[in-house]
Structure formats: C-alpha cells, structure tokens
Amino acid sequence: MDKLLLPFETAIAWLIAEIYEYVPNVGIAIILVTLMVMLLIFPLTHKQTKSTLGMQALQPKMKELQVKYKDDRQKLSEETMALYKENGVNPLGGCLPTLVQMPFLFSIFRVVREPAKFADTGSRLFKDLCSPVKTADLCRANAAELTKAGYSPGKAEELASKLPISKTFLGLDLQTSLKNYTNPTTWVIIAYVVLIILLAATSYISMSRQQKINPNTPSQMKFLKYIFPIGISVSGVILPAGPNLYILTSSTWRAFQQELL
C-alpha cells in the first residue's frame, strides 16, 4: 500500500510545500490542495454520483420487475438489463470512478496527517516543522533515537518534546486532536467545537440532499442522515485538526457538487 500511494503522496506534499512558500499557513495550504485534488477528480466523482442517482431512481421499476418475474430469473435479468439500457444507466458505472479516486483521497489524508513525514527536506515547510533536524525520521524521533544521532541527552529530550513543531489555523492545532489536547484554552475549545459542528452539519446536509434527490430511498436507510453526522463528530474529536480540515473541505465540495446535479 505504501509503495502504491508514494507517488501520489509525493505530489500532494510537493503542492502543499509550494503553496506554503507563498502563503506560510499550513491550514490554508491544506484547504487549497484539497480543492485542487477535488477539482482533479471531479469528472470521476461526477460520473459516480450520476450513476448512483440513476440506479436509485430506477429502484421502483426494478422492484416491479422483481415481483413480475419472481419465478423466472432469466427473464428478470433480461428485463433488468433492458431497463438499464433504456435509461442509460450502467450498474457498474460507479465502481471504476470510486477505485480510481481512492489513491488520491488516501494520499491527501496521510500527507495532511503527517506533513513532516512527506515534505521535501529542503522546503520551507519542512524547515518550519522540523528545524534544526535535517531528516523526516529525526523530526519524528524519540529522545533515545535523537541521542544516537549525536544530540546531547538534554537537547534530545527538548527536540523530542517539540518536534514536529505544531502549526495552528484559526485556533486549531493541526497536528493535535481535541482528545489529546493538553490544557486547551477557551478559544481553542470553541475552535474545535465549531469545527466538529461544521463537520456534522456538512454530513447531514449531504445525506439529506441525497435523500431529497431520491424520494424512493428505503425508509430503513433514512436514519443514516442522523447516524453519519454522529460518526463524523466522533472522528472530529479523535482525529487531529489537519485531517478534519481536509474532511470538512472535501465534504463541503461534495455538497456543492450535489447541488450542481
């Protein structure tokens, strides 16, 4: 998996570092790169969404066919394929776009979670995160490893406790989760709470929009628009703010994309 994602991670890390050269704010860099990636894979996600909505719209007719040909599987299969062809729907149309975009999404999540691991050691971003050490391994090393690398025990302890250097965005420590934050101020708590509320809201809006577009959504599936926001809120507490900022940006993009349909 690591070898497969490495080219994508390298490209995304380079983009973040390049943006940081001109706009030295990791939060803004994460937002801009996320938008770039979402724009790049837009044709795929658009096709996937249209295919999914098309399949959902055909559900009532498919149920009619299942009842009509319940004792003739071959006829049911033929009529179902004819229904797909008549309405220009490919039942596998959403699979390939999903598979193609997954490396991009996994890669950007991993880079945003640990930018010091992937940033070029000569970039301004790496230097701001890891100075005075010169390698990504030492930037994430413990005191014993830093001592082996030649630092005095005292200096090694100091570097291990502060590296990689935390970067903030609107009060959010991008490398720390709310769960692991030590002695947060009132402003920090407010910033994280607002982020979590926005994550839940975009998830709810997106799920509600999907169900509005497809009024034939099974009743047992409608509760998902309440379950998903709860799940995303939990991740908002557990995950560092950087990945959550990526999730919020991509979720907002998808909500707007649904409106275009």
C-alpha atoms as a PDB file:
ATOM      1  CA  MET A   1       0.000   0.000   0.000  1.00  0.00           C
ATOM      2  CA  ASP A   2       2.791   2.452   0.906  1.00  0.00           C
ATOM      3  CA  LYS A   3       4.582   1.904  -2.426  1.00  0.00           C
ATOM      4  CA  LEU A   4       1.321   2.332  -4.335  1.00  0.00           C
ATOM      5  CA  LEU A   5       0.490   5.624  -2.628  1.00  0.00           C
ATOM      6  CA  LEU A   6       4.018   7.068  -2.580  1.00  0.00           C
ATOM      7  CA  PRO A   7       3.821   8.857  -5.984  1.00  0.00           C
ATOM      8  CA  PHE A   8       0.504  10.454  -5.009  1.00  0.00           C
ATOM      9  CA  GLU A   9       1.780  11.400  -1.556  1.00  0.00           C
ATOM     10  CA  THR A  10       4.943  12.910  -3.011  1.00  0.00           C
ATOM     11  CA  ALA A  11       2.945  15.044  -5.460  1.00  0.00           C
ATOM     12  CA  ILE A  12       0.475  16.225  -2.806  1.00  0.00           C
ATOM     13  CA  ALA A  13       3.250  17.001  -0.317  1.00  0.00           C
ATOM     14  CA  TRP A  14       5.058  18.984  -3.021  1.00  0.00           C
ATOM     15  CA  LEU A  15       1.902  21.002  -3.719  1.00  0.00           C
ATOM     16  CA  ILE A  16       1.393  21.792  -0.027  1.00  0.00           C
ATOM     17  CA  ALA A  17       5.042  22.811   0.324  1.00  0.00           C
ATOM     18  CA  GLU A  18       4.853  25.013  -2.802  1.00  0.00           C
ATOM     19  CA  ILE A  19       1.757  26.819  -1.548  1.00  0.00           C
ATOM     20  CA  TYR A  20       3.418  27.234   1.846  1.00  0.00           C
ATOM     21  CA  GLU A  21       6.344  29.004   0.161  1.00  0.00           C
ATOM     22  CA  TYR A  22       3.986  31.833  -0.816  1.00  0.00           C
ATOM     23  CA  VAL A  23       1.312  31.527   1.866  1.00  0.00           C
ATOM     24  CA  PRO A  24       3.077  30.270   5.018  1.00  0.00           C
ATOM     25  CA  ASN A  25      -0.040  28.852   6.647  1.00  0.00           C
ATOM     26  CA  VAL A  26      -0.476  25.080   6.727  1.00  0.00           C
ATOM     27  CA  GLY A  27      -4.252  25.338   7.195  1.00  0.00           C
ATOM     28  CA  ILE A  28      -4.701  27.423   4.049  1.00  0.00           C
ATOM     29  CA  ALA A  29      -2.344  25.096   2.157  1.00  0.00           C
ATOM     30  CA  ILE A  30      -4.444  22.083   3.212  1.00  0.00           C
ATOM     31  CA  ILE A  31      -7.662  23.766   2.044  1.00  0.00           C
ATOM     32  CA  LEU A  32      -6.208  24.824  -1.318  1.00  0.00           C
ATOM     33  CA  VAL A  33      -4.632  21.439  -2.070  1.00  0.00           C
ATOM     34  CA  THR A  34      -7.827  19.647  -1.082  1.00  0.00           C
ATOM     35  CA  LEU A  35      -9.776  21.830  -3.521  1.00  0.00           C
ATOM     36  CA  MET A  36      -7.190  21.127  -6.239  1.00  0.00           C
ATOM     37  CA  VAL A  37      -7.477  17.365  -5.715  1.00  0.00           C
ATOM     38  CA  MET A  38     -11.284  17.501  -5.646  1.00  0.00           C
ATOM     39  CA  LEU A  39     -11.243  19.519  -8.874  1.00  0.00           C
ATOM     40  CA  LEU A  40      -8.863  16.996 -10.455  1.00  0.00           C
ATOM     41  CA  ILE A  41     -11.102  14.036  -9.650  1.00  0.00           C
ATOM     42  CA  PHE A  42     -14.340  15.957 -10.303  1.00  0.00           C
ATOM     43  CA  PRO A  43     -15.084  14.138 -13.590  1.00  0.00           C
ATOM     44  CA  LEU A  44     -14.820  10.822 -11.735  1.00  0.00           C
ATOM     45  CA  THR A  45     -16.906  11.840  -8.725  1.00  0.00           C
ATOM     46  CA  HIS A  46     -19.471  13.477 -11.026  1.00  0.00           C
ATOM     47  CA  LYS A  47     -19.834  10.280 -13.045  1.00  0.00           C
ATOM     48  CA  GLN A  48     -20.038   8.203  -9.866  1.00  0.00           C
ATOM     49  CA  THR A  49     -22.735  10.437  -8.373  1.00  0.00           C
ATOM     50  CA  LYS A  50     -24.822  10.424 -11.567  1.00  0.00           C
ATOM     51  CA  SER A  51     -24.569   6.641 -11.769  1.00  0.00           C
ATOM     52  CA  THR A  52     -25.627   6.240  -8.144  1.00  0.00           C
ATOM     53  CA  LEU A  53     -28.564   8.612  -8.521  1.00  0.00           C
ATOM     54  CA  GLY A  54     -29.597   6.867 -11.743  1.00  0.00           C
ATOM     55  CA  MET A  55     -29.637   3.493 -10.024  1.00  0.00           C
ATOM     56  CA  GLN A  56     -31.625   4.906  -7.115  1.00  0.00           C
ATOM     57  CA  ALA A  57     -34.204   6.433  -9.455  1.00  0.00           C
ATOM     58  CA  LEU A  58     -34.790   3.031 -11.073  1.00  0.00           C
ATOM     59  CA  GLN A  59     -35.429   1.214  -7.806  1.00  0.00           C
ATOM     60  CA  PRO A  60     -39.267   1.356  -8.032  1.00  0.00           C
ATOM     61  CA  LYS A  61     -39.265  -0.084 -11.570  1.00  0.00           C
ATOM     62  CA  MET A  62     -36.740  -2.733 -10.568  1.00  0.00           C
ATOM     63  CA  LYS A  63     -38.991  -3.808  -7.704  1.00  0.00           C
ATOM     64  CA  GLU A  64     -41.893  -4.096 -10.137  1.00  0.00           C
ATOM     65  CA  LEU A  65     -39.802  -6.343 -12.350  1.00  0.00           C
ATOM     66  CA  GLN A  66     -38.749  -8.466  -9.381  1.00  0.00           C
ATOM     67  CA  VAL A  67     -42.385  -9.029  -8.461  1.00  0.00           C
ATOM     68  CA  LYS A  68     -43.471  -9.648 -12.061  1.00  0.00           C
ATOM     69  CA  TYR A  69     -40.695 -12.124 -12.845  1.00  0.00           C
ATOM     70  CA  LYS A  70     -40.080 -13.584  -9.413  1.00  0.00           C
ATOM     71  CA  ASP A  71     -40.303 -17.119 -10.817  1.00  0.00           C
ATOM     72  CA  ASP A  72     -38.221 -16.509 -13.950  1.00  0.00           C
ATOM     73  CA  ARG A  73     -34.684 -15.392 -13.114  1.00  0.00           C
ATOM     74  CA  GLN A  74     -33.507 -15.356 -16.729  1.00  0.00           C
ATOM     75  CA  LYS A  75     -36.383 -13.114 -17.826  1.00  0.00           C
ATOM     76  CA  LEU A  76     -35.821 -10.876 -14.809  1.00  0.00           C
ATOM     77  CA  SER A  77     -32.165 -10.488 -15.760  1.00  0.00           C
ATOM     78  CA  GLU A  78     -33.041  -9.684 -19.376  1.00  0.00           C
ATOM     79  CA  GLU A  79     -35.686  -7.123 -18.420  1.00  0.00           C
ATOM     80  CA  THR A  80     -33.405  -5.526 -15.853  1.00  0.00           C
ATOM     81  CA  MET A  81     -30.618  -5.078 -18.387  1.00  0.00           C
ATOM     82  CA  ALA A  82     -33.135  -3.668 -20.870  1.00  0.00           C
ATOM     83  CA  LEU A  83     -34.263  -1.189 -18.212  1.00  0.00           C
ATOM     84  CA  TYR A  84     -30.663  -0.105 -17.631  1.00  0.00           C
ATOM     85  CA  LYS A  85     -30.085   0.326 -21.364  1.00  0.00           C
ATOM     86  CA  GLU A  86     -33.322   2.246 -21.875  1.00  0.00           C
ATOM     87  CA  ASN A  87     -32.427   4.728 -19.155  1.00  0.00           C
ATOM     88  CA  GLY A  88     -28.716   4.966 -19.977  1.00  0.00           C
ATOM     89  CA  VAL A  89     -27.631   3.561 -16.613  1.00  0.00           C
ATOM     90  CA  ASN A  90     -24.575   1.372 -16.085  1.00  0.00           C
ATOM     91  CA  PRO A  91     -24.874  -0.677 -12.869  1.00  0.00           C
ATOM     92  CA  LEU A  92     -21.078  -0.746 -12.650  1.00  0.00           C
ATOM     93  CA  GLY A  93     -20.686   2.926 -13.577  1.00  0.00           C
ATOM     94  CA  GLY A  94     -19.917   4.000 -10.039  1.00  0.00           C
ATOM     95  CA  CYS A  95     -17.290   1.338  -9.312  1.00  0.00           C
ATOM     96  CA  LEU A  96     -14.398   2.352 -11.568  1.00  0.00           C
ATOM     97  CA  PRO A  97     -14.537   6.075 -10.649  1.00  0.00           C
ATOM     98  CA  THR A  98     -14.505   5.103  -6.979  1.00  0.00           C
ATOM     99  CA  LEU A  99     -11.449   2.868  -7.397  1.00  0.00           C
ATOM    100  CA  VAL A 100      -9.530   5.474  -9.426  1.00  0.00           C
ATOM    101  CA  GLN A 101     -10.070   8.302  -6.944  1.00  0.00           C
ATOM    102  CA  MET A 102      -9.255   6.306  -3.799  1.00  0.00           C
ATOM    103  CA  PRO A 103      -5.421   6.658  -4.088  1.00  0.00           C
ATOM    104  CA  PHE A 104      -5.802  10.451  -4.230  1.00  0.00           C
ATOM    105  CA  LEU A 105      -8.081  10.568  -1.199  1.00  0.00           C
ATOM    106  CA  PHE A 106      -5.998   8.163   0.911  1.00  0.00           C
ATOM    107  CA  SER A 107      -2.819  10.024  -0.017  1.00  0.00           C
ATOM    108  CA  ILE A 108      -4.012  13.510   0.824  1.00  0.00           C
ATOM    109  CA  PHE A 109      -5.359  12.258   4.152  1.00  0.00           C
ATOM    110  CA  ARG A 110      -1.997  10.688   5.055  1.00  0.00           C
ATOM    111  CA  VAL A 111       0.015  13.733   3.976  1.00  0.00           C
ATOM    112  CA  VAL A 112      -2.223  16.141   5.878  1.00  0.00           C
ATOM    113  CA  ARG A 113      -1.971  13.963   8.976  1.00  0.00           C
ATOM    114  CA  GLU A 114       1.859  13.898   8.943  1.00  0.00           C
ATOM    115  CA  PRO A 115       3.184  16.692   6.699  1.00  0.00           C
ATOM    116  CA  ALA A 116       6.688  16.455   8.193  1.00  0.00           C
ATOM    117  CA  LYS A 117       6.946  12.836   7.034  1.00  0.00           C
ATOM    118  CA  PHE A 118       6.303  13.682   3.388  1.00  0.00           C
ATOM    119  CA  ALA A 119       7.572  17.245   2.879  1.00  0.00           C
ATOM    120  CA  ASP A 120      10.810  17.720   0.965  1.00  0.00           C
ATOM    121  CA  THR A 121      13.628  18.310   3.451  1.00  0.00           C
ATOM    122  CA  GLY A 122      14.758  21.384   1.541  1.00  0.00           C
ATOM    123  CA  SER A 123      11.369  23.073   1.610  1.00  0.00           C
ATOM    124  CA  ARG A 124      10.378  25.952   3.840  1.00  0.00           C
ATOM    125  CA  LEU A 125       7.548  23.810   5.200  1.00  0.00           C
ATOM    126  CA  PHE A 126       9.900  21.076   6.389  1.00  0.00           C
ATOM    127  CA  LYS A 127      12.288  23.586   7.958  1.00  0.00           C
ATOM    128  CA  ASP A 128       9.442  25.298   9.825  1.00  0.00           C
ATOM    129  CA  LEU A 129       8.168  21.949  11.079  1.00  0.00           C
ATOM    130  CA  CYS A 130      11.449  20.210  11.857  1.00  0.00           C
ATOM    131  CA  SER A 131      14.321  22.673  12.331  1.00  0.00           C
ATOM    132  CA  PRO A 132      17.066  22.058  13.454  1.00  0.00           C
ATOM    133  CA  VAL A 133      16.982  18.369  12.406  1.00  0.00           C
ATOM    134  CA  LYS A 134      17.545  17.536   8.757  1.00  0.00           C
ATOM    135  CA  THR A 135      15.533  14.356   8.118  1.00  0.00           C
ATOM    136  CA  ALA A 136      11.900  13.316   8.470  1.00  0.00           C
ATOM    137  CA  ASP A 137      12.866  10.325  10.629  1.00  0.00           C
ATOM    138  CA  LEU A 138      14.656  12.529  13.162  1.00  0.00           C
ATOM    139  CA  CYS A 139      11.786  15.027  13.102  1.00  0.00           C
ATOM    140  CA  ARG A 140       9.529  12.254  14.404  1.00  0.00           C
ATOM    141  CA  ALA A 141      12.162  10.500  16.549  1.00  0.00           C
ATOM    142  CA  ASN A 142      12.118   9.930  20.299  1.00  0.00           C
ATOM    143  CA  ALA A 143      14.822  11.140  22.671  1.00  0.00           C
ATOM    144  CA  ALA A 144      16.811   7.887  22.500  1.00  0.00           C
ATOM    145  CA  GLU A 145      16.947   7.988  18.700  1.00  0.00           C
ATOM    146  CA  LEU A 146      17.990  11.641  18.724  1.00  0.00           C
ATOM    147  CA  THR A 147      20.728  10.868  21.230  1.00  0.00           C
ATOM    148  CA  LYS A 148      22.036   8.111  18.923  1.00  0.00           C
ATOM    149  CA  ALA A 149      22.044  10.672  16.124  1.00  0.00           C
ATOM    150  CA  GLY A 150      24.522  12.797  18.066  1.00  0.00           C
ATOM    151  CA  TYR A 151      22.403  15.190  20.119  1.00  0.00           C
ATOM    152  CA  SER A 152      23.104  15.567  23.832  1.00  0.00           C
ATOM    153  CA  PRO A 153      20.568  13.888  26.139  1.00  0.00           C
ATOM    154  CA  GLY A 154      19.169  17.264  27.215  1.00  0.00           C
ATOM    155  CA  LYS A 155      18.858  18.550  23.649  1.00  0.00           C
ATOM    156  CA  ALA A 156      17.393  15.242  22.516  1.00  0.00           C
ATOM    157  CA  GLU A 157      14.677  15.445  25.177  1.00  0.00           C
ATOM    158  CA  GLU A 158      13.907  19.019  24.163  1.00  0.00           C
ATOM    159  CA  LEU A 159      13.638  18.195  20.450  1.00  0.00           C
ATOM    160  CA  ALA A 160      11.606  15.043  21.015  1.00  0.00           C
ATOM    161  CA  SER A 161       9.052  17.012  23.015  1.00  0.00           C
ATOM    162  CA  LYS A 162       8.554  19.786  20.459  1.00  0.00           C
ATOM    163  CA  LEU A 163       9.116  18.200  17.027  1.00  0.00           C
ATOM    164  CA  PRO A 164       7.424  18.334  14.666  1.00  0.00           C
ATOM    165  CA  ILE A 165       6.583  21.932  15.568  1.00  0.00           C
ATOM    166  CA  SER A 166       2.832  22.470  15.821  1.00  0.00           C
ATOM    167  CA  LYS A 167       1.115  24.676  13.269  1.00  0.00           C
ATOM    168  CA  THR A 168      -2.205  26.344  14.019  1.00  0.00           C
ATOM    169  CA  PHE A 169      -5.118  27.580  11.940  1.00  0.00           C
ATOM    170  CA  LEU A 170      -7.909  29.682  13.459  1.00  0.00           C
ATOM    171  CA  GLY A 171      -7.046  28.362  16.907  1.00  0.00           C
ATOM    172  CA  LEU A 172      -6.764  24.732  15.781  1.00  0.00           C
ATOM    173  CA  ASP A 173      -3.551  22.783  16.354  1.00  0.00           C
ATOM    174  CA  LEU A 174      -3.430  20.949  13.031  1.00  0.00           C
ATOM    175  CA  GLN A 175      -1.400  18.034  14.390  1.00  0.00           C
ATOM    176  CA  THR A 176      -3.363  17.501  17.594  1.00  0.00           C
ATOM    177  CA  SER A 177      -6.845  16.147  18.258  1.00  0.00           C
ATOM    178  CA  LEU A 178      -9.219  17.640  20.798  1.00  0.00           C
ATOM    179  CA  LYS A 179      -8.993  14.352  22.720  1.00  0.00           C
ATOM    180  CA  ASN A 180      -5.216  14.688  23.107  1.00  0.00           C
ATOM    181  CA  TYR A 181      -5.013  18.447  23.606  1.00  0.00           C
ATOM    182  CA  THR A 182      -3.316  19.373  26.886  1.00  0.00           C
ATOM    183  CA  ASN A 183      -4.835  22.248  28.864  1.00  0.00           C
ATOM    184  CA  PRO A 184      -6.765  23.860  25.988  1.00  0.00           C
ATOM    185  CA  THR A 185      -7.839  27.472  26.383  1.00  0.00           C
ATOM    186  CA  THR A 186     -11.461  28.537  25.993  1.00  0.00           C
ATOM    187  CA  TRP A 187     -10.715  29.830  22.479  1.00  0.00           C
ATOM    188  CA  VAL A 188      -9.134  26.512  21.490  1.00  0.00           C
ATOM    189  CA  ILE A 189     -12.156  24.563  22.782  1.00  0.00           C
ATOM    190  CA  ILE A 190     -14.502  26.887  20.863  1.00  0.00           C
ATOM    191  CA  ALA A 191     -12.455  26.447  17.668  1.00  0.00           C
ATOM    192  CA  TYR A 192     -12.588  22.646  17.905  1.00  0.00           C
ATOM    193  CA  VAL A 193     -16.296  22.634  18.760  1.00  0.00           C
ATOM    194  CA  VAL A 194     -17.080  24.858  15.770  1.00  0.00           C
ATOM    195  CA  LEU A 195     -15.047  22.517  13.537  1.00  0.00           C
ATOM    196  CA  ILE A 196     -16.942  19.475  14.832  1.00  0.00           C
ATOM    197  CA  ILE A 197     -20.314  21.216  14.341  1.00  0.00           C
ATOM    198  CA  LEU A 198     -19.383  22.114  10.765  1.00  0.00           C
ATOM    199  CA  LEU A 199     -18.297  18.525  10.087  1.00  0.00           C
ATOM    200  CA  ALA A 200     -21.624  17.194  11.377  1.00  0.00           C
ATOM    201  CA  ALA A 201     -23.621  19.859   9.512  1.00  0.00           C
ATOM    202  CA  THR A 202     -21.999  19.178   6.128  1.00  0.00           C
ATOM    203  CA  SER A 203     -22.526  15.437   6.611  1.00  0.00           C
ATOM    204  CA  TYR A 204     -26.207  15.960   7.476  1.00  0.00           C
ATOM    205  CA  ILE A 205     -26.774  18.321   4.540  1.00  0.00           C
ATOM    206  CA  SER A 206     -25.096  15.932   2.123  1.00  0.00           C
ATOM    207  CA  MET A 207     -27.132  12.916   3.274  1.00  0.00           C
ATOM    208  CA  SER A 208     -30.366  14.932   3.322  1.00  0.00           C
ATOM    209  CA  ARG A 209     -29.668  16.186  -0.183  1.00  0.00           C
ATOM    210  CA  GLN A 210     -29.153  12.647  -1.469  1.00  0.00           C
ATOM    211  CA  GLN A 211     -32.448  11.522   0.037  1.00  0.00           C
ATOM    212  CA  LYS A 212     -34.243  14.576  -1.345  1.00  0.00           C
ATOM    213  CA  ILE A 213     -32.944  13.855  -4.847  1.00  0.00           C
ATOM    214  CA  ASN A 214     -34.095  10.260  -4.487  1.00  0.00           C
ATOM    215  CA  PRO A 215     -37.509  10.226  -2.768  1.00  0.00           C
ATOM    216  CA  ASN A 216     -37.572   6.450  -3.146  1.00  0.00           C
ATOM    217  CA  THR A 217     -34.883   5.949  -0.518  1.00  0.00           C
ATOM    218  CA  PRO A 218     -35.884   2.937   1.625  1.00  0.00           C
ATOM    219  CA  SER A 219     -37.240   4.031   4.981  1.00  0.00           C
ATOM    220  CA  GLN A 220     -34.699   1.888   6.817  1.00  0.00           C
ATOM    221  CA  MET A 221     -31.910   3.894   5.125  1.00  0.00           C
ATOM    222  CA  LYS A 222     -33.269   7.327   6.012  1.00  0.00           C
ATOM    223  CA  PHE A 223     -31.876   7.185   9.540  1.00  0.00           C
ATOM    224  CA  LEU A 224     -28.360   7.324   8.037  1.00  0.00           C
ATOM    225  CA  LYS A 225     -28.605  11.098   7.759  1.00  0.00           C
ATOM    226  CA  TYR A 226     -28.569  11.123  11.570  1.00  0.00           C
ATOM    227  CA  ILE A 227     -26.025   8.336  12.064  1.00  0.00           C
ATOM    228  CA  PHE A 228     -23.386   9.753   9.699  1.00  0.00           C
ATOM    229  CA  PRO A 229     -23.157  13.155  11.447  1.00  0.00           C
ATOM    230  CA  ILE A 230     -22.712  11.387  14.780  1.00  0.00           C
ATOM    231  CA  GLY A 231     -19.899   9.277  13.352  1.00  0.00           C
ATOM    232  CA  ILE A 232     -18.170  12.259  11.758  1.00  0.00           C
ATOM    233  CA  SER A 233     -18.462  14.163  15.048  1.00  0.00           C
ATOM    234  CA  VAL A 234     -16.677  11.338  16.864  1.00  0.00           C
ATOM    235  CA  SER A 235     -13.884  11.442  14.286  1.00  0.00           C
ATOM    236  CA  GLY A 236     -13.750  15.203  14.826  1.00  0.00           C
ATOM    237  CA  VAL A 237     -12.799  14.560  18.441  1.00  0.00           C
ATOM    238  CA  ILE A 238     -10.372  11.697  17.754  1.00  0.00           C
ATOM    239  CA  LEU A 239      -8.541  12.876  14.617  1.00  0.00           C
ATOM    240  CA  PRO A 240      -6.059  15.783  14.518  1.00  0.00           C
ATOM    241  CA  ALA A 241      -7.456  19.082  13.259  1.00  0.00           C
ATOM    242  CA  GLY A 242      -5.470  18.854   9.992  1.00  0.00           C
ATOM    243  CA  PRO A 243      -7.255  15.740   8.676  1.00  0.00           C
ATOM    244  CA  ASN A 244     -10.561  17.136   9.937  1.00  0.00           C
ATOM    245  CA  LEU A 245      -9.936  20.323   7.969  1.00  0.00           C
ATOM    246  CA  TYR A 246      -9.398  18.173   4.880  1.00  0.00           C
ATOM    247  CA  ILE A 247     -12.611  16.211   5.582  1.00  0.00           C
ATOM    248  CA  LEU A 248     -14.585  19.441   6.057  1.00  0.00           C
ATOM    249  CA  THR A 249     -13.257  20.973   2.844  1.00  0.00           C
ATOM    250  CA  SER A 250     -13.914  17.852   0.757  1.00  0.00           C
ATOM    251  CA  SER A 251     -17.376  17.366   2.294  1.00  0.00           C
ATOM    252  CA  THR A 252     -18.301  20.972   1.526  1.00  0.00           C
ATOM    253  CA  TRP A 253     -17.110  20.485  -2.056  1.00  0.00           C
ATOM    254  CA  ARG A 254     -19.270  17.362  -2.418  1.00  0.00           C
ATOM    255  CA  ALA A 255     -22.304  19.208  -1.032  1.00  0.00           C
ATOM    256  CA  PHE A 256     -21.917  21.886  -3.701  1.00  0.00           C
ATOM    257  CA  GLN A 257     -21.322  19.200  -6.319  1.00  0.00           C
ATOM    258  CA  GLN A 258     -24.642  17.598  -5.417  1.00  0.00           C
ATOM    259  CA  GLU A 259     -26.351  20.940  -5.928  1.00  0.00           C
ATOM    260  CA  LEU A 260     -24.980  21.032  -9.490  1.00  0.00           C
ATOM    261  CA  LEU A 261     -26.818  17.806 -10.209  1.00  0.00           C
END
